Amino acid sequence: MIDSEICIRCEKEFEDWDHILGDFDQAAIVRNVNIAVTSILFEKSSILLGKTRECKLLRGVYNNGFNKITNDKEEKKMIFR
């Protein structure tokens, strides 16, 4: 049951048809961006043959994390024992 005329999603504005349609427009924009990013990630990589750009991204995240933990001398000693 709706007791207020304030939008339940943003809780800021009066909910009229313009506001509702604006929410749908924002959802469409997010969906289009999501599809574009997904299509880029699953394209074939020109550097890692036989792999996708997603693999390049994950490899970079892993390498960055590994580099961060190896900067600590105590952790580096444990890794290379």
N, C-alpha and C. Protein backbone atom coordinates (compact mmCIF):
# COMPACT_ATOMS: atom_id res chain seq x y z
N MET A 1 0.84 -1.19 0.00
CA MET A 1 0.00 0.00 0.00
C MET A 1 0.88 1.24 0.00
N ILE A 2 0.59 2.17 -0.89
CA ILE A 2 1.36 3.39 -1.00
C ILE A 2 0.67 4.49 -0.21
N ASP A 3 1.39 5.03 0.78
CA ASP A 3 0.82 6.07 1.63
C ASP A 3 1.28 7.46 1.25
N SER A 4 2.32 7.57 0.43
CA SER A 4 2.91 8.86 0.12
C SER A 4 3.00 9.06 -1.39
N GLU A 5 3.06 10.30 -1.80
CA GLU A 5 3.23 10.60 -3.21
C GLU A 5 4.69 10.79 -3.57
N ILE A 6 5.59 10.59 -2.60
CA ILE A 6 7.02 10.68 -2.86
C ILE A 6 7.47 9.37 -3.52
N CYS A 7 8.39 9.47 -4.47
CA CYS A 7 8.90 8.32 -5.20
C CYS A 7 9.56 7.34 -4.24
N ILE A 8 9.19 6.07 -4.30
CA ILE A 8 9.76 5.08 -3.39
C ILE A 8 11.18 4.68 -3.80
N ARG A 9 11.60 4.95 -5.05
CA ARG A 9 12.94 4.60 -5.48
C ARG A 9 13.96 5.65 -5.06
N CYS A 10 13.68 6.92 -5.30
CA CYS A 10 14.67 7.95 -4.96
C CYS A 10 14.33 8.67 -3.66
N GLU A 11 13.11 8.58 -3.21
CA GLU A 11 12.62 9.19 -1.97
C GLU A 11 12.87 10.70 -1.90
N LYS A 12 12.91 11.35 -3.07
CA LYS A 12 13.17 12.79 -3.09
C LYS A 12 12.08 13.57 -3.80
N GLU A 13 11.58 13.04 -4.89
CA GLU A 13 10.69 13.81 -5.75
C GLU A 13 9.27 13.28 -5.72
N PHE A 14 8.37 14.15 -6.06
CA PHE A 14 6.97 13.78 -6.24
C PHE A 14 6.90 12.83 -7.43
N GLU A 15 6.21 11.73 -7.27
CA GLU A 15 6.16 10.73 -8.33
C GLU A 15 5.02 11.03 -9.29
N ASP A 16 5.39 11.54 -10.47
CA ASP A 16 4.42 11.76 -11.53
C ASP A 16 4.90 10.99 -12.76
N TRP A 17 4.19 11.08 -13.87
CA TRP A 17 4.56 10.30 -15.05
C TRP A 17 5.92 10.69 -15.61
N ASP A 18 6.26 11.98 -15.56
CA ASP A 18 7.57 12.40 -16.05
C ASP A 18 8.70 11.78 -15.23
N HIS A 19 8.49 11.72 -13.92
CA HIS A 19 9.50 11.13 -13.05
C HIS A 19 9.62 9.62 -13.31
N ILE A 20 8.52 8.94 -13.48
CA ILE A 20 8.53 7.50 -13.75
C ILE A 20 9.22 7.22 -15.08
N LEU A 21 8.91 7.99 -16.11
CA LEU A 21 9.54 7.79 -17.41
C LEU A 21 11.03 8.10 -17.35
N GLY A 22 11.42 9.07 -16.54
CA GLY A 22 12.84 9.37 -16.35
C GLY A 22 13.58 8.19 -15.76
N ASP A 23 12.95 7.49 -14.80
CA ASP A 23 13.56 6.29 -14.22
C ASP A 23 13.75 5.22 -15.28
N PHE A 24 12.77 5.05 -16.18
CA PHE A 24 12.89 4.06 -17.25
C PHE A 24 14.00 4.44 -18.22
N ASP A 25 14.14 5.75 -18.51
CA ASP A 25 15.21 6.21 -19.39
C ASP A 25 16.58 5.91 -18.79
N GLN A 26 16.72 6.14 -17.49
CA GLN A 26 17.99 5.85 -16.82
C GLN A 26 18.30 4.36 -16.86
N ALA A 27 17.29 3.53 -16.66
CA ALA A 27 17.49 2.08 -16.72
C ALA A 27 17.92 1.65 -18.12
N ALA A 28 17.37 2.27 -19.14
CA ALA A 28 17.73 1.94 -20.52
C ALA A 28 19.18 2.33 -20.80
N ILE A 29 19.61 3.48 -20.29
CA ILE A 29 20.99 3.92 -20.47
C ILE A 29 21.95 2.95 -19.81
N VAL A 30 21.64 2.56 -18.58
CA VAL A 30 22.49 1.61 -17.85
C VAL A 30 22.56 0.28 -18.60
N ARG A 31 21.44 -0.19 -19.11
CA ARG A 31 21.40 -1.45 -19.85
C ARG A 31 22.27 -1.34 -21.11
N ASN A 32 22.19 -0.23 -21.83
CA ASN A 32 22.98 -0.05 -23.05
C ASN A 32 24.48 -0.01 -22.74
N VAL A 33 24.84 0.68 -21.67
CA VAL A 33 26.25 0.74 -21.27
C VAL A 33 26.73 -0.66 -20.87
N ASN A 34 25.90 -1.38 -20.13
CA ASN A 34 26.26 -2.73 -19.70
C ASN A 34 26.50 -3.64 -20.91
N ILE A 35 25.65 -3.55 -21.91
CA ILE A 35 25.80 -4.36 -23.11
C ILE A 35 27.08 -3.98 -23.85
N ALA A 36 27.38 -2.68 -23.93
CA ALA A 36 28.59 -2.22 -24.62
C ALA A 36 29.85 -2.73 -23.91
N VAL A 37 29.89 -2.61 -22.59
CA VAL A 37 31.05 -3.08 -21.83
C VAL A 37 31.21 -4.59 -21.97
N THR A 38 30.11 -5.31 -21.89
CA THR A 38 30.16 -6.77 -22.02
C THR A 38 30.68 -7.17 -23.40
N SER A 39 30.22 -6.50 -24.44
CA SER A 39 30.68 -6.86 -25.78
C SER A 39 32.17 -6.56 -25.95
N ILE A 40 32.66 -5.49 -25.34
CA ILE A 40 34.10 -5.18 -25.40
C ILE A 40 34.91 -6.24 -24.66
N LEU A 41 34.44 -6.64 -23.48
CA LEU A 41 35.19 -7.61 -22.68
C LEU A 41 35.30 -8.97 -23.37
N PHE A 42 34.31 -9.35 -24.15
CA PHE A 42 34.33 -10.67 -24.76
C PHE A 42 34.86 -10.67 -26.19
N GLU A 43 35.42 -9.54 -26.65
CA GLU A 43 36.10 -9.52 -27.94
C GLU A 43 37.43 -10.25 -27.81
N LYS A 44 37.93 -10.76 -28.91
CA LYS A 44 39.21 -11.46 -28.88
C LYS A 44 40.34 -10.46 -28.62
N SER A 45 41.29 -10.89 -27.83
CA SER A 45 42.45 -10.07 -27.50
C SER A 45 43.45 -10.11 -28.63
N SER A 46 44.06 -8.98 -28.93
CA SER A 46 45.10 -8.95 -29.96
C SER A 46 46.47 -9.27 -29.36
N ILE A 47 46.57 -9.25 -28.03
CA ILE A 47 47.84 -9.53 -27.36
C ILE A 47 47.90 -10.98 -26.87
N LEU A 48 46.87 -11.41 -26.15
CA LEU A 48 46.81 -12.79 -25.67
C LEU A 48 46.02 -13.61 -26.69
N LEU A 49 46.72 -14.27 -27.56
CA LEU A 49 46.07 -15.00 -28.65
C LEU A 49 45.21 -16.14 -28.09
N GLY A 50 44.00 -16.23 -28.59
CA GLY A 50 43.07 -17.26 -28.14
C GLY A 50 42.33 -16.90 -26.86
N LYS A 51 42.56 -15.71 -26.34
CA LYS A 51 41.91 -15.25 -25.10
C LYS A 51 41.06 -14.02 -25.40
N THR A 52 40.20 -13.68 -24.44
CA THR A 52 39.36 -12.48 -24.59
C THR A 52 39.96 -11.33 -23.79
N ARG A 53 39.41 -10.16 -23.98
CA ARG A 53 39.86 -9.00 -23.21
C ARG A 53 39.54 -9.17 -21.73
N GLU A 54 38.52 -9.97 -21.45
CA GLU A 54 38.18 -10.26 -20.06
C GLU A 54 39.38 -10.92 -19.37
N CYS A 55 40.04 -11.83 -20.06
CA CYS A 55 41.22 -12.49 -19.50
C CYS A 55 42.33 -11.48 -19.23
N LYS A 56 42.50 -10.51 -20.15
CA LYS A 56 43.50 -9.47 -19.95
C LYS A 56 43.18 -8.66 -18.70
N LEU A 57 41.91 -8.32 -18.53
CA LEU A 57 41.49 -7.54 -17.37
C LEU A 57 41.75 -8.32 -16.08
N LEU A 58 41.32 -9.58 -16.05
CA LEU A 58 41.52 -10.39 -14.85
C LEU A 58 43.00 -10.62 -14.55
N ARG A 59 43.78 -10.80 -15.59
CA ARG A 59 45.22 -10.97 -15.41
C ARG A 59 45.85 -9.72 -14.82
N GLY A 60 45.41 -8.56 -15.29
CA GLY A 60 45.92 -7.30 -14.75
C GLY A 60 45.53 -7.09 -13.30
N VAL A 61 44.31 -7.44 -12.94
CA VAL A 61 43.85 -7.31 -11.56
C VAL A 61 44.66 -8.24 -10.67
N TYR A 62 44.87 -9.48 -11.11
CA TYR A 62 45.65 -10.45 -10.34
C TYR A 62 47.08 -9.96 -10.16
N ASN A 63 47.70 -9.52 -11.25
CA ASN A 63 49.09 -9.06 -11.18
C ASN A 63 49.21 -7.85 -10.26
N ASN A 64 48.25 -6.93 -10.32
CA ASN A 64 48.28 -5.76 -9.47
C ASN A 64 48.18 -6.16 -8.00
N GLY A 65 47.28 -7.08 -7.69
CA GLY A 65 47.14 -7.56 -6.31
C GLY A 65 48.40 -8.27 -5.84
N PHE A 66 48.98 -9.09 -6.70
CA PHE A 66 50.21 -9.80 -6.35
C PHE A 66 51.34 -8.81 -6.11
N ASN A 67 51.43 -7.78 -6.95
CA ASN A 67 52.47 -6.76 -6.76
C ASN A 67 52.31 -6.02 -5.45
N LYS A 68 51.06 -5.75 -5.05
CA LYS A 68 50.82 -5.04 -3.79
C LYS A 68 51.29 -5.85 -2.60
N ILE A 69 50.99 -7.16 -2.59
CA ILE A 69 51.38 -7.95 -1.43
C ILE A 69 52.89 -8.22 -1.41
N THR A 70 53.53 -8.23 -2.57
CA THR A 70 54.98 -8.46 -2.58
C THR A 70 55.76 -7.21 -2.25
N ASN A 71 55.12 -6.07 -2.11
CA ASN A 71 55.82 -4.87 -1.68
C ASN A 71 56.12 -4.91 -0.19
N ASP A 72 55.38 -5.69 0.58
CA ASP A 72 55.62 -5.86 2.00
C ASP A 72 56.73 -6.91 2.17
N LYS A 73 57.84 -6.52 2.81
CA LYS A 73 59.01 -7.40 2.89
C LYS A 73 58.72 -8.70 3.63
N GLU A 74 57.93 -8.65 4.70
CA GLU A 74 57.61 -9.87 5.45
C GLU A 74 56.78 -10.84 4.59
N GLU A 75 55.80 -10.30 3.89
CA GLU A 75 54.98 -11.16 3.04
C GLU A 75 55.79 -11.70 1.86
N LYS A 76 56.71 -10.91 1.36
CA LYS A 76 57.56 -11.35 0.26
C LYS A 76 58.41 -12.54 0.69
N LYS A 77 58.94 -12.49 1.92
CA LYS A 77 59.73 -13.60 2.43
C LYS A 77 58.91 -14.87 2.51
N MET A 78 57.64 -14.74 2.92
CA MET A 78 56.78 -15.92 3.04
C MET A 78 56.46 -16.52 1.67
N ILE A 79 56.25 -15.67 0.68
CA ILE A 79 55.90 -16.13 -0.66
C ILE A 79 57.07 -16.86 -1.31
N PHE A 80 58.28 -16.33 -1.16
CA PHE A 80 59.43 -16.88 -1.89
C PHE A 80 60.22 -17.88 -1.07
N ARG A 81 59.69 -18.40 0.03
CA ARG A 81 60.37 -19.45 0.80
C ARG A 81 60.31 -20.76 0.10
